[in-house]
Structure formats: structure tokens, C-alpha cells
Amino acid sequence: MRLGYGLSIEQTQKLIMTPELRQAITILQLSALDLTAYVEDQLMDNPLLETQEEIMGSKGEAEASAVEGSRAEEKWDVDWQDYFHDQDEHHVRQERVVVEDKQRFEPFIASAPTLLEHLLEQLHLQKVSVSLSVAEYIVGNLNDSGWLTLSLQDIARETNVSLETAEKALALVQTLDPLGVGARDLEECLRLQLPLLADYPPELPEFIKHLEDLAAGRLQRIAHVLKIPINKVQEMADLIRKLDPKPGLRFSSLGEVRYVVPDVVIEEIGGEFIILVNDLTVPRLGINKAYREVLSHEEGTDTRKFVEQKLNAAAWLIRSIEQRRLTLYKVANAIVKWQTEFFRYGIRYLRPLTLRDIAEEVGVHESTVSRATSNKYVQTPRGIFEFKFFFANSMGRGPNNDSSITTEEIKRALRDIITSEDPKSPYSDQKLADFLKAQDMGISRRTVAKYRDEMGIGATALRKRY
């Protein structure tokens, strides 16, 4: 075989991840709130970007929804001189219309106090003989559940006080609201909350020492140890469940997300579902026309190159935001077509759905659908759901698997069966599996146990009543 050199021309296709494409992918998977923050950062970084004050008329809202898709598909071969000319003539593209010109108030909410703030406020209002700084140190070392994470020895050493002073400071903290804070374990947490129960049985403090048996459903064993009837044990177990094992969680924490802003709103009007992409919080972007002179008179200069670079970046950003809006609209529209019966009749009619189903409907790759629905919420007539809620897993139904049902439907049937059972003789997981099989939902006992745990329903021994 002879070896040698030669020249040949070969045509190949390669996908290159350009910075612009990477930015478009990033924007697609951002939620509405995250996109707002991203756009604000871009406004700070790119001097050519500016926000547009929009004046909207009564017909614009409906028109904006109707042409939402077509506008984003327009080609973006931008003639910057024509763009600035259109701005001079007030031909700025508008996306929103205000129905009435009246003062609007943003739905701001006051931040709830954190557990630390709530406890410190109480401490500072009390006249105490113990060292206030030690009590403050203890409060500062409570975890989110309100439990103390340090030993008294550590507290005494870190605050330079005696062990007795540390004990008094802890006793003070444990008197604060909510009762149960400052506890070092579950038993102490529940014991501190006993004053919240009116006329509780005298055996209850001793009963709290048997939490492991209670968690395992061994009520007969507790009754034997305490020498009381089993129904008395059941009554005390019901009382204990009224207490809060994590009293600190009812308070807000730093950086907590306190509400969800839906990215898409679906409303049924006149028997038809209307889809609105909710991006009201995202600033409307335009190009600063003050840079027109640079393009006209700075031919070939570094300044012009800089302006052109920023113009291209601004145009791509605007295009990516428009493409995100279009993709969200198309994905939501496909989901509405697929899950129409769910929107009208409820969870029983939720159909199995995969990313591939929507990708084929929209005409994009599955990864695009995944990014478009990631960390986003949709407001529907049935409530607010994550987009991933609609991608319900399917299970075979019947011996031939000729049709399918969703795991949500199985869970709903499982909950209905457990709700209707005799509490004195609850069904075993195998019995529950048999009942589901009779309804053409053939799943194993282990799957029943898995779904039951996911729904927070206890095992047979924990559901039994005496």
C-alpha cells in the first residue's frame, strides 16, 4: 500500500456552541423572576440597551396575544439606521396595552419576622437576672426547626460563664414563644409544649419517653409498660400529634422565597382556553438612539466597532427573549391540547404525557421542552402547578396494557381506599394492591408502599385505631 499526501475538499456539519446560542439557552430556562434579574444585569452591562415606556390601548392586549407567535418568528436582519428612524417616528413596537389609565399599586408584601428576630424581640422586653448576652448567644445557635445545636458545656465555654448560668439562660429561652424552641431533642421539644394542651392526662409526660414505640405503632407495648388501657394510649397519641415537633419552621428564614409567580396563565373563556405568557415583570427593551451619531460619523474607529458589538449583543438579547416567549406559548398550547380534560374535569382525567410528545407537537427537540418547562409554574383554572406536573408517568392498565393511567390517578384511588377503610382494621399493603388490581390498576405491593410513603400515609400499624 502506497502512502502519500493529497488535498481534498470535504463538507461537514458541526454544531458550534456560540456565546449567543449559549445565552439563548440560558434565557429559555429562566423563570420570569430570574429573567427580570438577568435583564437588569444586561441593562447595567450594555449602554445601548434601554427600557421602553409603553402606552397601551384597549385592543392591544388581545392583539398582542394573537400575534405573539408570529412576531417572534420575524427575521432579525436589523438595519440600525431604519431602526432609529422608526424610533423618531414613534413606530416603536408595542407588546402590551393598558385598558384604563389609572394608578396601579404593585403587590408588595411585608417580610415576616424570622425566628431569630421574633425571639430577640421577646428577650429585650424581659427583665431578667441572667446574662442577656448568653440568652442571645443561645438564640443565635438555634437551627431552622428551633432546636439548640450546642451543648451547655459549649455555651458556657464560648460565653465565658458558669454552667449554672448557661442552664438559666437556656431555661429563659425555653419559656419564649413559640413553646418548644431551645429543645435539644424531640422528647424535650414536646415536653416544653405540654402547657398548650388543656387538662392532659397525668401519664402524658411519661408517655413521651416512648416515642420510638409510638413511631413504630407499638401501642400495646406502651400500654403494658405504663399499665394503662390501650384506648388511653391511643388518646395520648392523638394529643401528641397536636404538638409541633419543629416550632421554628412556622417563621420565615433569610432568603426564603415567599410566593410563586406563574410564568404562564391559562384561563377558560367562553369554552376556550386562552394562554398568556406572564412576563409583565420583565422590562421592555429597546436600543438607545443616542448612539446613532456614532454609527454615522465614526467610520472604521474603535468606538464604532464597540457600538456595533453592543448593538449585536442587544439585538440578540431581544431576539432570545422573544424566542423564549414564543417557545413557552407553544409548549403551553400543546399541553392544553393534551390535557384539556384535566383542565375541565380534574385530576382523574390527567393523561400520561412525555417530553417527546410535546416536542413532536411543537416541532423542537426534547431538551428544548425540558429547558422551557424547567423551574416554571403555570396558573390554571385548577390551581398553580409546576410545568413538570403535566408530564405524568404512565402505568399499564389491564392484562393487555391496551390503555394507560397516570401515577397521580393511582395515588388518588389509593387514598380513597385508605380513607374508606375501617380504622380498627386497616388494610395491609398487599390488600391495597389487590383492591387496585380489581380497578384495573395492577401494581405490586412494594409500589403501593412507595406511593403510600410519598403521600405521607403511615403503614398499617400506624393507621390502626383502638
Protein backbone atom coordinates (compact mmCIF):
# COMPACT_ATOMS: atom_id res chain seq x y z
CA MET A 1 0.00 0.00 0.00
CA ARG A 2 1.45 3.35 -1.08
CA LEU A 3 1.31 6.27 1.32
CA GLY A 4 1.28 9.83 0.13
CA TYR A 5 -0.02 13.36 0.58
CA GLY A 6 -3.11 14.79 -1.05
CA LEU A 7 -5.65 17.62 -0.86
CA SER A 8 -9.37 17.07 -0.74
CA ILE A 9 -12.47 19.17 -0.06
CA GLU A 10 -14.97 17.76 2.37
CA GLN A 11 -18.27 19.30 3.52
CA THR A 12 -19.38 18.52 7.07
CA GLN A 13 -21.95 19.87 9.52
CA LYS A 14 -20.99 20.79 13.06
CA LEU A 15 -22.91 22.36 15.89
CA ILE A 16 -20.85 25.13 17.46
CA MET A 17 -21.96 26.49 20.83
CA THR A 18 -21.52 30.22 20.24
CA PRO A 19 -21.86 32.73 23.10
CA GLU A 20 -25.13 33.92 21.55
CA LEU A 21 -26.57 30.39 21.44
CA ARG A 22 -25.45 29.77 25.00
CA GLN A 23 -27.22 32.99 26.04
CA ALA A 24 -30.41 31.94 24.25
CA ILE A 25 -30.38 28.58 26.06
CA THR A 26 -29.81 30.32 29.39
CA ILE A 27 -32.70 32.74 28.81
CA LEU A 28 -35.05 29.92 27.79
CA GLN A 29 -34.67 28.08 31.09
CA LEU A 30 -35.02 31.17 33.30
CA SER A 31 -38.24 31.76 35.20
CA ALA A 32 -40.00 35.13 34.92
CA LEU A 33 -38.39 36.47 38.11
CA ASP A 34 -34.94 35.18 37.16
CA LEU A 35 -35.29 36.66 33.68
CA THR A 36 -36.10 40.04 35.21
CA ALA A 37 -32.89 39.95 37.24
CA TYR A 38 -30.93 38.79 34.18
CA VAL A 39 -32.27 41.63 32.02
CA GLU A 40 -31.45 44.18 34.71
CA ASP A 41 -27.86 42.91 34.76
CA GLN A 42 -27.69 43.25 30.98
CA LEU A 43 -29.02 46.81 31.22
CA MET A 44 -26.12 47.64 33.53
CA ASP A 45 -23.59 45.97 31.25
CA ASN A 46 -24.77 47.20 27.82
CA PRO A 47 -25.10 51.01 27.46
CA LEU A 48 -27.08 50.63 24.24
CA LEU A 49 -29.95 48.84 25.95
CA GLU A 50 -32.77 50.84 27.50
CA THR A 51 -36.26 50.15 28.78
CA GLN A 52 -39.31 51.40 26.90
CA GLU A 53 -42.22 53.19 28.50
CA GLU A 54 -45.28 51.60 26.94
CA ILE A 55 -48.54 53.35 26.19
CA MET A 56 -51.16 50.70 25.54
CA GLY A 57 -54.72 50.96 24.14
CA SER A 58 -57.80 48.85 24.79
CA LYS A 59 -57.33 46.45 21.86
CA GLY A 60 -53.64 45.84 22.27
CA GLU A 61 -53.80 43.10 24.89
CA ALA A 62 -55.88 40.80 22.72
CA GLU A 63 -53.85 41.63 19.63
CA ALA A 64 -50.58 41.01 21.46
CA SER A 65 -51.77 37.51 22.44
CA ALA A 66 -52.99 36.71 18.93
CA VAL A 67 -49.77 37.70 17.19
CA GLU A 68 -47.42 36.59 19.96
CA GLY A 69 -46.06 33.73 17.92
CA SER A 70 -45.75 35.42 14.54
CA ARG A 71 -43.80 38.42 15.83
CA ALA A 72 -41.10 36.32 17.44
CA GLU A 73 -40.58 34.43 14.17
CA GLU A 74 -39.78 37.60 12.21
CA LYS A 75 -36.25 37.76 10.85
CA TRP A 76 -33.85 39.91 12.77
CA ASP A 77 -31.69 41.29 9.99
CA VAL A 78 -31.57 44.69 11.64
CA ASP A 79 -30.96 47.89 9.71
CA TRP A 80 -29.88 50.15 12.53
CA GLN A 81 -30.48 53.39 10.62
CA ASP A 82 -34.06 52.34 9.86
CA TYR A 83 -34.48 51.26 13.46
CA PHE A 84 -33.51 54.66 14.81
CA HIS A 85 -35.67 56.35 12.17
CA ASP A 86 -38.66 54.33 13.30
CA GLN A 87 -38.00 55.42 16.87
CA ASP A 88 -38.03 59.05 15.76
CA GLU A 89 -41.38 58.50 14.07
CA HIS A 90 -42.76 56.80 17.24
CA HIS A 91 -43.12 53.46 15.46
CA VAL A 92 -41.79 51.53 18.43
CA ARG A 93 -43.19 48.00 18.55
CA GLN A 94 -45.59 47.62 21.45
CA GLU A 95 -46.35 44.41 23.28
CA ARG A 96 -48.86 45.49 25.93
CA VAL A 97 -51.98 47.61 26.14
CA VAL A 98 -53.35 49.32 29.23
CA VAL A 99 -57.12 49.13 29.42
CA GLU A 100 -57.52 52.06 31.76
CA ASP A 101 -55.12 54.82 32.62
CA LYS A 102 -55.20 54.72 36.37
CA GLN A 103 -52.75 54.46 39.20
CA ARG A 104 -51.58 50.95 39.86
CA PHE A 105 -50.04 49.56 43.02
CA GLU A 106 -47.55 46.72 42.96
CA PRO A 107 -48.46 43.75 45.20
CA PHE A 108 -45.62 44.18 47.65
CA ILE A 109 -45.73 42.05 50.80
CA ALA A 110 -44.13 42.79 54.11
CA SER A 111 -41.41 40.37 55.12
CA ALA A 112 -42.44 38.19 58.05
CA PRO A 113 -40.05 38.16 61.01
CA THR A 114 -37.52 35.39 61.24
CA LEU A 115 -37.34 33.12 64.27
CA LEU A 116 -34.22 34.95 65.45
CA GLU A 117 -35.92 38.36 65.23
CA HIS A 118 -39.03 37.06 67.00
CA LEU A 119 -37.05 35.60 69.92
CA LEU A 120 -34.68 38.55 70.32
CA GLU A 121 -37.61 40.95 70.47
CA GLN A 122 -39.07 38.97 73.37
CA LEU A 123 -35.72 38.79 75.15
CA HIS A 124 -35.20 42.52 75.01
CA LEU A 125 -38.61 43.17 76.54
CA GLN A 126 -37.96 41.00 79.58
CA LYS A 127 -36.32 41.97 82.83
CA VAL A 128 -34.02 39.08 83.52
CA SER A 129 -31.43 38.39 86.16
CA VAL A 130 -29.37 36.07 83.94
CA SER A 131 -26.91 37.33 81.40
CA LEU A 132 -28.85 38.57 78.39
CA SER A 133 -25.84 38.05 76.14
CA VAL A 134 -25.83 34.31 76.95
CA ALA A 135 -29.52 34.02 76.05
CA GLU A 136 -28.85 35.90 72.81
CA TYR A 137 -25.99 33.52 72.05
CA ILE A 138 -28.31 30.55 72.55
CA VAL A 139 -30.99 32.06 70.32
CA GLY A 140 -28.39 32.67 67.63
CA ASN A 141 -27.46 28.98 67.62
CA LEU A 142 -30.95 27.58 67.13
CA ASN A 143 -31.50 25.79 63.82
CA ASP A 144 -34.43 26.40 61.47
CA SER A 145 -36.56 23.94 63.47
CA GLY A 146 -35.94 25.91 66.68
CA TRP A 147 -33.73 23.26 68.25
CA LEU A 148 -30.47 24.02 70.08
CA THR A 149 -27.45 22.64 68.27
CA LEU A 150 -24.85 23.21 71.02
CA SER A 151 -24.33 21.57 74.40
CA LEU A 152 -24.50 23.60 77.61
CA GLN A 153 -20.80 22.98 78.13
CA ASP A 154 -20.01 24.54 74.75
CA ILE A 155 -22.24 27.53 75.52
CA ALA A 156 -20.60 28.09 78.90
CA ARG A 157 -17.13 27.89 77.39
CA GLU A 158 -17.89 30.16 74.41
CA THR A 159 -19.60 32.83 76.54
CA ASN A 160 -17.17 32.67 79.49
CA VAL A 161 -19.86 31.89 82.08
CA SER A 162 -20.50 29.08 84.51
CA LEU A 163 -22.53 26.00 83.57
CA GLU A 164 -25.24 27.13 86.01
CA THR A 165 -25.59 30.48 84.22
CA ALA A 166 -25.83 28.74 80.86
CA GLU A 167 -28.59 26.49 82.23
CA LYS A 168 -30.56 29.51 83.48
CA ALA A 169 -30.19 31.26 80.14
CA LEU A 170 -31.44 28.17 78.31
CA ALA A 171 -34.39 27.89 80.71
CA LEU A 172 -35.26 31.50 79.85
CA VAL A 173 -35.11 30.85 76.12
CA GLN A 174 -37.36 27.80 76.53
CA THR A 175 -40.09 30.00 78.01
CA LEU A 176 -40.28 32.14 74.87
CA ASP A 177 -42.88 31.89 72.14
CA PRO A 178 -43.28 29.53 70.37
CA LEU A 179 -43.02 26.92 73.09
CA GLY A 180 -40.61 24.18 72.14
CA VAL A 181 -37.74 26.38 70.97
CA GLY A 182 -34.42 25.71 72.66
CA ALA A 183 -35.12 21.98 72.88
CA ARG A 184 -32.21 19.61 72.37
CA ASP A 185 -34.22 16.60 71.21
CA LEU A 186 -37.74 15.66 70.21
CA GLU A 187 -38.76 14.49 73.67
CA GLU A 188 -37.75 17.81 75.26
CA CYS A 189 -39.44 19.76 72.45
CA LEU A 190 -42.76 18.03 73.04
CA ARG A 191 -42.44 18.26 76.82
CA LEU A 192 -41.99 22.03 76.61
CA GLN A 193 -45.26 22.27 74.66
CA LEU A 194 -47.38 20.32 77.17
CA PRO A 195 -48.82 23.55 78.68
CA LEU A 196 -50.54 24.08 75.32
CA LEU A 197 -52.72 21.04 75.98
CA ALA A 198 -55.65 21.67 78.31
CA ASP A 199 -56.23 19.04 81.01
CA TYR A 200 -53.85 16.48 79.58
CA PRO A 201 -53.63 13.07 81.33
CA PRO A 202 -51.06 12.80 84.14
CA GLU A 203 -49.44 9.87 82.32
CA LEU A 204 -48.59 12.02 79.29
CA PRO A 205 -45.10 13.17 80.47
CA GLU A 206 -44.14 9.54 80.99
CA PHE A 207 -45.78 8.58 77.69
CA ILE A 208 -43.46 10.98 75.81
CA LYS A 209 -40.49 8.80 76.82
CA HIS A 210 -41.79 6.08 74.49
CA LEU A 211 -41.67 7.99 71.20
CA GLU A 212 -39.79 5.21 69.40
CA ASP A 213 -42.53 2.69 70.21
CA LEU A 214 -45.14 5.27 69.18
CA ALA A 215 -43.44 5.86 65.81
CA ALA A 216 -43.36 2.11 65.19
CA GLY A 217 -47.03 1.70 66.14
CA ARG A 218 -46.26 -0.47 69.17
CA LEU A 219 -49.12 0.89 71.28
CA GLN A 220 -49.73 -2.44 73.00
CA ARG A 221 -46.19 -2.37 74.34
CA ILE A 222 -46.61 1.18 75.68
CA ALA A 223 -49.89 0.18 77.35
CA HIS A 224 -48.15 -2.77 79.02
CA VAL A 225 -45.23 -0.66 80.30
CA LEU A 226 -47.42 2.19 81.59
CA LYS A 227 -50.08 -0.25 82.87
CA ILE A 228 -52.94 1.65 81.23
CA PRO A 229 -55.67 0.58 78.75
CA ILE A 230 -54.81 0.61 75.05
CA ASN A 231 -57.53 3.16 74.29
CA LYS A 232 -55.87 5.52 76.79
CA VAL A 233 -52.61 5.16 74.88
CA GLN A 234 -54.46 5.96 71.66
CA GLU A 235 -55.91 9.14 73.20
CA MET A 236 -52.47 10.32 74.33
CA ALA A 237 -51.02 9.55 70.90
CA ASP A 238 -53.69 11.79 69.37
CA LEU A 239 -52.78 14.56 71.82
CA ILE A 240 -49.09 14.32 70.99
CA ARG A 241 -49.84 14.70 67.28
CA LYS A 242 -51.33 18.12 68.01
CA LEU A 243 -47.91 19.40 69.09
CA ASP A 244 -45.31 20.83 66.73
CA PRO A 245 -42.00 18.91 66.60
CA LYS A 246 -40.37 21.78 64.66
CA PRO A 247 -41.80 25.03 66.07
CA GLY A 248 -39.25 27.23 64.31
CA LEU A 249 -40.40 26.32 60.81
CA ARG A 250 -43.51 28.47 61.08
CA PHE A 251 -41.29 31.54 60.78
CA SER A 252 -39.62 32.84 57.68
CA SER A 253 -35.92 32.41 57.04
CA LEU A 254 -33.39 34.65 55.33
CA GLY A 255 -33.58 34.45 51.56
CA GLU A 256 -36.84 32.49 51.67
CA VAL A 257 -38.99 32.52 48.55
CA ARG A 258 -42.39 33.56 49.86
CA TYR A 259 -44.56 33.31 46.77
CA VAL A 260 -44.67 31.87 43.27
CA VAL A 261 -45.09 33.99 40.15
CA PRO A 262 -46.59 31.88 37.33
CA ASP A 263 -44.74 32.10 34.03
CA VAL A 264 -47.84 31.19 32.04
CA VAL A 265 -51.51 31.89 32.77
CA ILE A 266 -54.22 29.65 31.30
CA GLU A 267 -57.83 30.86 31.51
CA GLU A 268 -61.01 29.33 30.14
CA ILE A 269 -63.18 31.95 28.45
CA GLY A 270 -66.30 31.02 26.53
CA GLY A 271 -65.34 27.36 26.47
CA GLU A 272 -61.90 28.07 25.02
CA PHE A 273 -58.56 28.16 26.80
CA ILE A 274 -56.61 31.40 26.48
CA ILE A 275 -52.85 31.29 27.05
CA LEU A 276 -50.91 34.32 28.27
CA VAL A 277 -47.15 34.35 28.80
CA ASN A 278 -46.69 36.25 32.04
CA ASP A 279 -43.65 38.47 31.56
CA LEU A 280 -45.03 41.70 32.99
CA THR A 281 -42.10 41.91 35.38
CA VAL A 282 -39.56 41.76 32.54
CA PRO A 283 -38.52 45.24 31.32
CA ARG A 284 -39.36 46.01 27.68
CA LEU A 285 -36.08 46.56 25.88
CA GLY A 286 -35.10 48.94 23.12
CA ILE A 287 -31.94 50.41 21.60
CA ASN A 288 -30.68 53.79 22.76
CA LYS A 289 -30.96 56.06 19.72
CA ALA A 290 -28.31 58.42 21.09
CA TYR A 291 -25.69 56.13 19.54
CA ARG A 292 -26.95 56.85 16.00
CA GLU A 293 -24.36 59.59 15.58
CA VAL A 294 -21.57 57.15 16.34
CA LEU A 295 -22.70 54.87 13.52
CA SER A 296 -22.93 57.81 11.12
CA HIS A 297 -19.65 59.63 11.79
CA GLU A 298 -17.22 57.17 13.39
CA GLU A 299 -16.50 55.02 10.34
CA GLY A 300 -13.75 52.46 11.00
CA THR A 301 -12.96 53.64 14.52
CA ASP A 302 -12.71 51.56 17.66
CA THR A 303 -15.71 53.43 19.02
CA ARG A 304 -17.86 52.32 16.10
CA LYS A 305 -16.69 48.73 16.49
CA PHE A 306 -17.60 48.86 20.17
CA VAL A 307 -21.05 50.26 19.38
CA GLU A 308 -21.67 47.65 16.68
CA GLN A 309 -20.65 44.89 19.07
CA LYS A 310 -23.05 46.14 21.72
CA LEU A 311 -25.79 46.61 19.12
CA ASN A 312 -25.47 42.99 18.03
CA ALA A 313 -25.48 41.83 21.66
CA ALA A 314 -28.59 43.92 22.37
CA ALA A 315 -30.38 42.60 19.28
CA TRP A 316 -29.58 39.01 20.17
CA LEU A 317 -30.82 39.53 23.72
CA ILE A 318 -34.13 40.96 22.48
CA ARG A 319 -34.44 38.13 19.99
CA SER A 320 -33.73 35.49 22.65
CA ILE A 321 -36.39 36.93 24.95
CA GLU A 322 -38.90 36.92 22.09
CA GLN A 323 -37.96 33.34 21.24
CA ARG A 324 -38.42 32.33 24.88
CA ARG A 325 -41.89 33.85 24.89
CA LEU A 326 -42.80 32.04 21.68
CA THR A 327 -41.48 28.69 22.91
CA LEU A 328 -43.32 28.98 26.23
CA TYR A 329 -46.52 29.82 24.37
CA LYS A 330 -46.20 26.85 22.02
CA VAL A 331 -45.36 24.40 24.82
CA ALA A 332 -48.26 25.63 26.96
CA ASN A 333 -50.60 25.43 23.98
CA ALA A 334 -49.54 21.83 23.30
CA ILE A 335 -50.07 20.90 26.96
CA VAL A 336 -53.54 22.46 26.91
CA LYS A 337 -54.46 20.38 23.85
CA TRP A 338 -53.15 17.23 25.53
CA GLN A 339 -54.63 17.82 28.99
CA THR A 340 -57.90 19.57 28.10
CA GLU A 341 -59.99 17.09 30.09
CA PHE A 342 -57.84 17.67 33.17
CA PHE A 343 -58.36 21.43 32.98
CA ARG A 344 -62.11 20.92 32.75
CA TYR A 345 -62.80 17.92 34.98
CA GLY A 346 -59.91 17.46 37.40
CA ILE A 347 -57.06 15.17 38.38
CA ARG A 348 -58.86 11.97 37.41
CA TYR A 349 -58.51 12.97 33.77
CA LEU A 350 -54.79 13.76 33.77
CA ARG A 351 -53.32 11.90 30.79
CA PRO A 352 -49.86 10.33 30.57
CA LEU A 353 -47.50 12.75 28.85
CA THR A 354 -43.80 12.80 28.00
CA LEU A 355 -41.38 15.45 26.84
CA ARG A 356 -41.21 13.70 23.47
CA ASP A 357 -44.97 14.06 22.97
CA ILE A 358 -44.77 17.83 23.40
CA ALA A 359 -41.53 18.08 21.41
CA GLU A 360 -43.16 16.38 18.44
CA GLU A 361 -46.23 18.59 18.77
CA VAL A 362 -44.20 21.81 18.89
CA GLY A 363 -41.52 20.69 16.44
CA VAL A 364 -38.48 21.11 18.68
CA HIS A 365 -36.02 18.84 20.48
CA GLU A 366 -36.91 17.25 23.81
CA SER A 367 -34.12 19.20 25.52
CA THR A 368 -35.77 22.44 24.40
CA VAL A 369 -39.05 21.41 26.01
CA SER A 370 -37.15 20.39 29.14
CA ARG A 371 -35.45 23.79 29.38
CA ALA A 372 -38.66 25.67 28.60
CA THR A 373 -40.54 23.94 31.42
CA SER A 374 -37.71 23.82 33.98
CA ASN A 375 -38.41 25.69 37.25
CA LYS A 376 -41.52 27.33 35.81
CA TYR A 377 -45.11 27.45 37.01
CA VAL A 378 -48.43 27.73 35.23
CA GLN A 379 -51.63 29.19 36.63
CA THR A 380 -54.68 27.22 35.55
CA PRO A 381 -58.40 27.05 36.45
CA ARG A 382 -57.38 24.08 38.64
CA GLY A 383 -54.69 25.97 40.55
CA ILE A 384 -50.99 26.72 40.16
CA PHE A 385 -48.77 23.82 39.12
CA GLU A 386 -45.20 23.26 38.07
CA PHE A 387 -44.94 22.54 34.37
CA LYS A 388 -43.46 19.13 35.16
CA PHE A 389 -46.74 18.19 36.89
CA PHE A 390 -48.37 17.74 33.49
CA PHE A 391 -45.74 15.26 32.38
CA ALA A 392 -47.40 12.42 34.26
CA ASN A 393 -45.86 8.96 34.24
CA SER A 394 -47.99 6.22 32.76
CA MET A 395 -48.74 2.74 34.11
CA GLY A 396 -50.20 -0.21 32.24
CA ARG A 397 -53.87 -0.93 32.78
CA GLY A 398 -55.42 -4.35 32.40
CA PRO A 399 -53.78 -7.63 31.35
CA ASN A 400 -53.11 -6.44 27.81
CA ASN A 401 -51.90 -2.96 28.73
CA ASP A 402 -54.21 -1.69 26.00
CA SER A 403 -54.61 1.67 27.73
CA SER A 404 -52.71 3.62 30.35
CA ILE A 405 -53.25 5.58 33.52
CA THR A 406 -51.10 8.01 35.45
CA THR A 407 -49.42 7.56 38.81
CA GLU A 408 -51.48 10.51 40.08
CA GLU A 409 -54.68 8.60 39.32
CA ILE A 410 -53.35 5.53 41.12
CA LYS A 411 -52.42 7.63 44.15
CA ARG A 412 -55.86 9.19 44.18
CA ALA A 413 -57.52 5.75 44.10
CA LEU A 414 -55.16 4.54 46.82
CA ARG A 415 -56.02 7.49 49.04
CA ASP A 416 -59.75 6.88 48.52
CA ILE A 417 -59.41 3.24 49.56
CA ILE A 418 -57.45 4.10 52.70
CA THR A 419 -59.91 6.86 53.61
CA SER A 420 -62.81 4.41 53.48
CA GLU A 421 -61.12 1.60 55.46
CA ASP A 422 -62.11 0.58 58.97
CA PRO A 423 -59.60 2.34 61.27
CA LYS A 424 -59.76 -0.55 63.70
CA SER A 425 -58.69 -2.96 60.96
CA PRO A 426 -56.72 -1.05 58.30
CA TYR A 427 -55.75 -2.74 55.06
CA SER A 428 -52.29 -4.17 54.53
CA ASP A 429 -50.22 -3.07 51.52
CA GLN A 430 -50.96 -6.40 49.81
CA LYS A 431 -54.69 -5.91 50.36
CA LEU A 432 -54.45 -2.40 48.94
CA ALA A 433 -52.64 -3.80 45.89
CA ASP A 434 -55.48 -6.34 45.44
CA PHE A 435 -58.10 -3.58 45.58
CA LEU A 436 -56.23 -1.55 42.97
CA LYS A 437 -55.88 -4.60 40.74
CA ALA A 438 -59.64 -5.03 40.88
CA GLN A 439 -59.85 -1.49 39.45
CA ASP A 440 -57.50 -2.45 36.59
CA MET A 441 -54.54 -0.79 38.30
CA GLY A 442 -52.14 -3.68 38.53
CA ILE A 443 -49.23 -2.60 40.72
CA SER A 444 -47.16 -4.58 43.21
CA ARG A 445 -47.24 -4.40 46.99
CA ARG A 446 -43.86 -2.64 47.00
CA THR A 447 -45.19 0.02 44.63
CA VAL A 448 -48.18 0.53 46.92
CA ALA A 449 -45.81 1.07 49.85
CA LYS A 450 -43.77 3.53 47.78
CA TYR A 451 -46.80 5.59 46.75
CA ARG A 452 -48.17 5.49 50.29
CA ASP A 453 -44.91 6.89 51.66
CA GLU A 454 -44.85 9.61 49.00
CA MET A 455 -48.33 10.70 50.11
CA GLY A 456 -47.31 10.74 53.78
CA ILE A 457 -49.66 7.91 54.76
CA GLY A 458 -48.45 5.60 57.51
CA ALA A 459 -48.17 1.83 57.39
CA THR A 460 -50.90 -0.50 58.64
CA ALA A 461 -49.74 -0.45 62.27
CA LEU A 462 -49.61 3.36 62.33
CA ARG A 463 -53.12 3.74 60.87
CA LYS A 464 -54.73 1.33 63.31
CA ARG A 465 -57.09 2.80 65.89
CA TYR A 466 -58.09 1.14 69.17
